[in-house]
Amino acid sequence: MIIKYRFRKAKISSNLKQYLEEKVKKLEKIVPKSTIFDIELRSETRSKKGKNKIINITVDIPGEKVIHISKASIDFKAAVDISQEMLEKVLTRWHKKKTGKRKRDRIINMTKKMVFWVPEKIVSIAKPYKEKIKTKRLFISHSIFKDEAIDEFKNSKEPFLIFENSQTHKLNLIFKKNSKNIIIYEIEK
């Protein structure tokens, strides 16, 4: 990692330079070693809202990307902190994109086979996923009242019950929402 400094109309103490180096070194684990940081610190006499300490940081990742960040503040340390946070966000996003460590890349595709090496054997697991669908035919022989259907449903172990309501002559569906509540839908054609 190469760090270049430029100072314009600014007197920089060795403490500030050391502080700046510490902040930039935190980014070392994210960027390649050949990355060039060009840091310009300048002080302006005329500025809006008293923010006359400006830092311009250009990060050149060879063969990849050039990032430029410019921040102004009342003092250089505050400007360095703000720009370091911003750079860290941008470079972390770039690093995740580059290395493929995004959320969507971690999704396992169930249709692929996974193979593991075991001494003297190759064991294949996770066969392709096949959805099993069972079809059952339901016959409604007679219509019943809603109260009778609820009692019948409570006594059965089935997850739902379909019946013809003898009052409305329409199909109804009963199922358990949770352990206490039962829901009844009236189905219309």
Foldseek 3Di string as FASTA:
>chain_A
DAEAEAEEQDDDDVVLVVLLVVLVVVCPVLADPPKYKYKYWYADDDDPPQFGTKIWIWIDRPPPDIDIDMDTGNDDVVNSVVVSVVVSVVSVVVSCVVVVVDPVSPDDDLCDWDWDDDVPDIDIDRHRDDDDDDDDDDDADDADAPVVVVVVVVPDPDQKDWGQHPVPRFIKIWGAPDPPDIDIDTDDD
